[in-house]
């Protein structure tokens, strides 16, 4: 097995990033502003609870808290994306960004469904991952032969998923983000994951889970990830798209050797796809986008 040692792999990844082998992935839309700039642009943080899901109107009726300096507490209707509409439930608490599109027309973006138990589990796991990354220091990067780190994130159903959930199964894991417009990067990676899913099934691999972790957790909420999967007709019965706290995502970057850099609204990043066995051990890694579905299926246990 041809594996680069830690001392060789980091310069290689840095070279890839500098040379552009890691794409310059420009978001389709700029990320939300913050503070005074956000308010000036007609964007305001909002918290509240769903009163009714109005599917025929692609909107939610929300009892929202006061937005200081802008709007008192009231119940009003907000447009939402199809992913958020599918996840919405009466009585569910949420936090989001209110966007005033035009006078009397309001939309919710960046919707996170808030649940104290779920948030506590994700926060605890993020804290433990941070401690593990700090203790490992320069050895944070996990080589082939090492175990998958423990983590807990939200999937496209807004469920908390921890790494231990897949113990006893093989895992194929990569990193993408939904706004990546470069065809040879994230879109190609997702297409190859889908191809591998189909070929593995045809080859009799029954214990496979595919996992894509977002590179852009600020934008890629559970609803956005759900919309991304549904728009591509992805079979999510064994394919999870994960997001969560930015700190936890960045620690996973370090532990999996993913390099990212943001310059002027352009996200550059390296690509890596990993195969993890039933005991949680990393058994194969393909850097870049040149791997094939057959290459991974041939290494999977049937």
Protein backbone atom coordinates (compact mmCIF):
# COMPACT_ATOMS: atom_id res chain seq x y z
CA UNK A 1 0.00 0.00 0.00
CA UNK A 2 1.49 3.31 -1.06
CA UNK A 3 1.10 5.76 1.84
CA UNK A 4 2.83 9.10 2.38
CA UNK A 5 4.28 9.54 5.90
CA UNK A 6 3.12 12.60 7.89
CA UNK A 7 6.32 14.51 7.13
CA UNK A 8 5.78 14.07 3.40
CA UNK A 9 2.01 14.45 3.15
CA UNK A 10 1.67 17.97 4.62
CA UNK A 11 4.08 19.61 2.13
CA UNK A 12 2.30 17.67 -0.64
CA UNK A 13 -1.10 19.01 0.41
CA UNK A 14 0.28 22.54 0.78
CA UNK A 15 1.71 22.29 -2.73
CA UNK A 16 -1.63 21.10 -4.08
CA UNK A 17 -3.42 24.00 -2.44
CA UNK A 18 -0.92 26.57 -3.75
CA UNK A 19 -0.88 25.09 -7.25
CA UNK A 20 -4.66 25.09 -7.59
CA UNK A 21 -5.11 21.30 -7.59
CA UNK A 22 -7.34 22.21 -4.70
CA UNK A 23 -9.99 24.24 -6.41
CA UNK A 24 -10.87 27.85 -6.06
CA UNK A 25 -14.48 27.24 -5.10
CA UNK A 26 -16.46 30.44 -5.14
CA UNK A 27 -19.77 30.38 -3.23
CA UNK A 28 -22.84 30.91 -5.39
CA UNK A 29 -23.97 33.63 -2.99
CA UNK A 30 -21.90 35.55 -0.42
CA UNK A 31 -22.18 34.35 3.16
CA UNK A 32 -24.49 36.32 5.44
CA UNK A 33 -23.12 39.51 6.94
CA UNK A 34 -23.05 39.99 10.69
CA UNK A 35 -23.90 42.63 13.26
CA UNK A 36 -24.77 46.12 12.02
CA UNK A 37 -23.93 45.23 8.41
CA UNK A 38 -26.38 42.33 8.53
CA UNK A 39 -29.18 44.51 9.91
CA UNK A 40 -28.51 47.21 7.32
CA UNK A 41 -28.83 44.62 4.56
CA UNK A 42 -32.24 43.60 5.86
CA UNK A 43 -30.99 40.48 7.65
CA UNK A 44 -31.75 39.83 11.31
CA UNK A 45 -31.14 36.89 13.66
CA UNK A 46 -34.41 35.29 14.70
CA UNK A 47 -35.52 32.69 17.22
CA UNK A 48 -38.97 31.23 17.56
CA UNK A 49 -41.26 28.24 17.33
CA UNK A 50 -43.25 26.81 14.41
CA UNK A 51 -46.99 27.28 14.76
CA UNK A 52 -47.94 25.72 11.44
CA UNK A 53 -46.26 24.21 8.36
CA UNK A 54 -47.87 25.69 5.23
CA UNK A 55 -46.59 23.27 2.59
CA UNK A 56 -48.83 24.56 -0.19
CA UNK A 57 -47.33 28.03 0.36
CA UNK A 58 -43.73 26.84 0.91
CA UNK A 59 -43.76 28.72 4.18
CA UNK A 60 -43.88 28.44 7.95
CA UNK A 61 -46.07 30.29 10.42
CA UNK A 62 -43.69 31.16 13.25
CA UNK A 63 -44.22 32.66 16.69
CA UNK A 64 -40.93 34.55 16.88
CA UNK A 65 -39.24 36.40 19.68
CA UNK A 66 -38.70 40.15 19.66
CA UNK A 67 -36.02 41.38 17.27
CA UNK A 68 -34.65 44.41 19.16
CA UNK A 69 -34.83 47.63 17.17
CA UNK A 70 -36.68 45.98 14.30
CA UNK A 71 -39.79 43.98 15.18
CA UNK A 72 -41.77 43.04 18.32
CA UNK A 73 -42.66 39.47 19.14
CA UNK A 74 -45.41 38.26 16.82
CA UNK A 75 -46.66 35.35 14.76
CA UNK A 76 -46.00 35.74 11.06
CA UNK A 77 -45.41 33.80 7.87
CA UNK A 78 -41.96 33.18 6.41
CA UNK A 79 -40.93 31.57 3.15
CA UNK A 80 -38.37 28.77 3.53
CA UNK A 81 -36.38 26.49 1.24
CA UNK A 82 -37.70 23.01 0.36
CA UNK A 83 -35.22 21.28 2.69
CA UNK A 84 -36.30 23.36 5.68
CA UNK A 85 -39.96 22.92 4.75
CA UNK A 86 -39.52 19.13 4.74
CA UNK A 87 -37.85 19.16 8.17
CA UNK A 88 -40.31 21.56 9.82
CA UNK A 89 -42.70 20.28 12.47
CA UNK A 90 -45.37 22.09 14.45
CA UNK A 91 -43.97 23.13 17.82
CA UNK A 92 -40.33 22.84 16.72
CA UNK A 93 -37.98 25.54 18.00
CA UNK A 94 -35.61 27.19 15.54
CA UNK A 95 -33.00 29.85 15.08
CA UNK A 96 -32.47 31.43 11.68
CA UNK A 97 -31.75 34.61 9.76
CA UNK A 98 -34.75 36.69 8.77
CA UNK A 99 -34.31 38.19 5.30
CA UNK A 100 -36.60 41.01 4.20
CA UNK A 101 -36.73 40.39 0.46
CA UNK A 102 -39.16 43.23 -0.23
CA UNK A 103 -41.77 45.15 1.80
CA UNK A 104 -44.04 42.56 3.40
CA UNK A 105 -42.11 39.57 1.98
CA UNK A 106 -39.90 37.70 4.44
CA UNK A 107 -37.75 34.60 4.17
CA UNK A 108 -35.87 32.46 6.68
CA UNK A 109 -32.36 31.32 5.79
CA UNK A 110 -29.74 29.46 7.80
CA UNK A 111 -32.39 27.52 9.71
CA UNK A 112 -31.20 25.37 12.61
CA UNK A 113 -33.71 23.28 14.53
CA UNK A 114 -32.93 23.71 18.21
CA UNK A 115 -33.28 20.92 20.73
CA UNK A 116 -31.53 21.13 24.09
CA UNK A 117 -30.66 17.41 24.25
CA UNK A 118 -29.28 17.33 20.71
CA UNK A 119 -27.32 20.54 21.14
CA UNK A 120 -25.82 19.27 24.39
CA UNK A 121 -24.66 16.04 22.74
CA UNK A 122 -23.07 17.87 19.79
CA UNK A 123 -21.43 20.45 22.06
CA UNK A 124 -20.01 17.75 24.35
CA UNK A 125 -18.61 15.80 21.40
CA UNK A 126 -17.11 18.98 19.91
CA UNK A 127 -15.39 19.73 23.21
CA UNK A 128 -13.94 16.22 23.40
CA UNK A 129 -12.79 16.40 19.76
CA UNK A 130 -11.11 19.77 20.46
CA UNK A 131 -9.29 18.28 23.44
CA UNK A 132 -8.19 15.28 21.38
CA UNK A 133 -6.93 17.50 18.54
CA UNK A 134 -5.02 19.68 21.00
CA UNK A 135 -3.42 16.71 22.77
CA UNK A 136 -2.38 15.15 19.46
CA UNK A 137 -0.80 18.44 18.41
CA UNK A 138 1.38 18.00 15.34
CA UNK A 139 0.28 14.37 15.22
CA UNK A 140 -3.39 15.34 14.84
CA UNK A 141 -3.38 14.05 11.25
CA UNK A 142 -4.55 10.42 11.21
CA UNK A 143 -2.62 8.10 8.94
CA UNK A 144 -3.90 4.97 7.25
CA UNK A 145 -3.92 2.36 10.02
CA UNK A 146 -5.20 4.75 12.70
CA UNK A 147 -8.75 4.90 14.00
CA UNK A 148 -11.54 7.25 13.03
CA UNK A 149 -11.84 10.08 15.62
CA UNK A 150 -14.96 10.35 17.74
CA UNK A 151 -17.34 13.12 16.66
CA UNK A 152 -21.04 14.01 16.60
CA UNK A 153 -22.71 16.16 13.96
CA UNK A 154 -26.15 16.76 12.44
CA UNK A 155 -27.26 14.91 9.31
CA UNK A 156 -29.63 16.05 6.55
CA UNK A 157 -32.57 15.02 8.72
CA UNK A 158 -31.31 17.26 11.56
CA UNK A 159 -30.57 14.12 13.60
CA UNK A 160 -27.48 13.89 15.78
CA UNK A 161 -25.10 11.30 14.33
CA UNK A 162 -21.99 10.16 16.19
CA UNK A 163 -19.14 8.18 14.67
CA UNK A 164 -19.92 5.16 16.84
CA UNK A 165 -23.23 4.78 15.03
CA UNK A 166 -21.41 3.09 12.15
CA UNK A 167 -19.28 0.68 14.16
CA UNK A 168 -19.53 -2.70 12.50
CA UNK A 169 -19.94 -1.09 9.07
CA UNK A 170 -17.52 0.11 6.44
CA UNK A 171 -17.48 3.87 5.96
CA UNK A 172 -16.56 5.83 2.85
CA UNK A 173 -15.99 9.46 3.90
CA UNK A 174 -15.22 12.72 2.14
CA UNK A 175 -15.63 16.51 2.48
CA UNK A 176 -17.70 18.72 0.13
CA UNK A 177 -19.79 21.88 0.25
CA UNK A 178 -23.07 22.55 -1.50
CA UNK A 179 -22.16 25.88 -3.14
CA UNK A 180 -19.01 24.56 -4.82
CA UNK A 181 -19.38 25.46 -8.52
CA UNK A 182 -16.22 23.76 -9.85
CA UNK A 183 -17.38 20.65 -11.70
CA UNK A 184 -14.15 18.73 -11.11
CA UNK A 185 -14.23 19.23 -7.33
CA UNK A 186 -17.21 18.73 -4.97
CA UNK A 187 -19.79 17.95 -7.69
CA UNK A 188 -17.45 15.29 -9.14
CA UNK A 189 -16.77 13.88 -5.66
CA UNK A 190 -20.48 13.57 -4.94
CA UNK A 191 -21.11 11.91 -8.31
CA UNK A 192 -18.32 9.38 -7.64
CA UNK A 193 -19.71 8.65 -4.18
CA UNK A 194 -23.09 7.94 -5.78
CA UNK A 195 -21.43 5.72 -8.37
CA UNK A 196 -19.56 3.84 -5.65
CA UNK A 197 -22.81 3.39 -3.71
CA UNK A 198 -24.41 1.75 -6.75
CA UNK A 199 -21.40 -0.40 -7.70
CA UNK A 200 -20.91 -1.56 -4.11
CA UNK A 201 -24.54 -2.69 -4.02
CA UNK A 202 -24.15 -4.50 -7.32
CA UNK A 203 -21.01 -6.21 -5.98
CA UNK A 204 -22.76 -7.51 -2.88
CA UNK A 205 -21.32 -5.03 -0.34
CA UNK A 206 -24.10 -4.85 2.23
CA UNK A 207 -22.53 -3.04 5.19
CA UNK A 208 -21.45 0.26 3.62
CA UNK A 209 -22.19 3.78 4.86
CA UNK A 210 -21.25 6.84 2.82
CA UNK A 211 -20.57 10.10 4.65
CA UNK A 212 -19.98 13.61 3.27
CA UNK A 213 -18.99 16.29 5.80
CA UNK A 214 -19.49 19.91 4.79
CA UNK A 215 -16.58 22.29 4.29
CA UNK A 216 -18.99 25.22 4.81
CA UNK A 217 -20.96 24.67 8.04
CA UNK A 218 -22.09 28.31 8.24
CA UNK A 219 -24.20 27.91 5.10
CA UNK A 220 -24.77 24.15 4.93
CA UNK A 221 -27.52 23.64 7.49
CA UNK A 222 -29.42 20.33 7.69
CA UNK A 223 -32.13 21.75 5.44
CA UNK A 224 -29.62 22.88 2.82
CA UNK A 225 -27.97 19.45 2.87
CA UNK A 226 -31.33 17.74 2.50
CA UNK A 227 -32.19 19.93 -0.48
CA UNK A 228 -28.77 19.18 -2.01
CA UNK A 229 -29.31 15.43 -1.71
CA UNK A 230 -32.89 15.50 -3.00
CA UNK A 231 -32.01 17.72 -5.97
CA UNK A 232 -29.48 15.09 -7.10
CA UNK A 233 -31.72 12.10 -6.46
CA UNK A 234 -29.30 10.68 -3.90
CA UNK A 235 -30.31 7.51 -2.06
CA UNK A 236 -29.82 8.57 1.58
CA UNK A 237 -30.68 5.17 3.05
CA UNK A 238 -26.93 4.71 3.63
CA UNK A 239 -25.58 8.12 2.59
CA UNK A 240 -25.34 10.86 5.24
CA UNK A 241 -24.50 14.53 4.77
CA UNK A 242 -23.17 16.08 7.97
CA UNK A 243 -22.81 19.58 9.39
CA UNK A 244 -22.35 21.15 12.79
CA UNK A 245 -20.25 23.56 14.85
CA UNK A 246 -17.50 25.25 12.89
CA UNK A 247 -14.93 24.37 15.57
CA UNK A 248 -15.69 20.66 15.32
CA UNK A 249 -15.55 20.77 11.51
CA UNK A 250 -12.14 22.49 11.62
CA UNK A 251 -10.82 19.87 14.05
CA UNK A 252 -11.92 17.18 11.60
CA UNK A 253 -10.05 19.04 8.85
CA UNK A 254 -6.89 18.75 10.96
CA UNK A 255 -7.43 15.11 11.81
CA UNK A 256 -8.18 14.12 8.21
CA UNK A 257 -5.57 16.38 6.59
CA UNK A 258 -7.97 18.68 4.75
CA UNK A 259 -6.57 22.12 3.96
CA UNK A 260 -8.85 25.11 3.37
CA UNK A 261 -8.20 28.78 2.75
CA UNK A 262 -10.64 31.66 2.29
CA UNK A 263 -9.49 34.69 0.29
CA UNK A 264 -11.88 37.38 -0.86
CA UNK A 265 -14.93 35.13 -0.61
CA UNK A 266 -13.23 32.30 -2.50
CA UNK A 267 -12.82 28.95 -0.71
CA UNK A 268 -9.88 26.82 -1.79
CA UNK A 269 -9.54 23.32 -0.41
CA UNK A 270 -7.91 19.96 -0.87
CA UNK A 271 -9.88 16.78 -1.49
CA UNK A 272 -9.60 13.46 0.31
CA UNK A 273 -11.76 10.34 0.31
CA UNK A 274 -11.25 7.67 2.95
CA UNK A 275 -12.32 4.07 3.52
CA UNK A 276 -12.76 2.97 7.13
CA UNK A 277 -13.29 -0.64 8.16
CA UNK A 278 -15.84 -2.19 10.52
CA UNK A 279 -13.57 -1.65 13.53
CA UNK A 280 -13.19 2.05 12.79
CA UNK A 281 -9.70 1.83 11.26
CA UNK A 282 -8.71 3.94 8.24
CA UNK A 283 -7.67 1.41 5.59
CA UNK A 284 -7.40 3.52 2.44
CA UNK A 285 -7.13 7.17 1.45
CA UNK A 286 -7.31 8.79 -1.99
CA UNK A 287 -6.20 12.43 -2.22
CA UNK A 288 -7.49 14.61 -5.03
CA UNK A 289 -10.27 13.77 -7.45
CA UNK A 290 -8.66 11.13 -9.62
CA UNK A 291 -9.95 8.05 -7.83
CA UNK A 292 -12.57 5.69 -9.27
CA UNK A 293 -15.54 3.86 -7.83
CA UNK A 294 -13.98 0.54 -8.82
CA UNK A 295 -10.85 1.41 -6.85
CA UNK A 296 -12.83 1.74 -3.63
CA UNK A 297 -15.23 -1.17 -4.22
CA UNK A 298 -12.27 -3.49 -4.82
CA UNK A 299 -11.04 -2.69 -1.29
CA UNK A 300 -14.40 -3.21 0.42
CA UNK A 301 -15.14 -6.39 2.32
CA UNK A 302 -18.16 -8.31 1.05
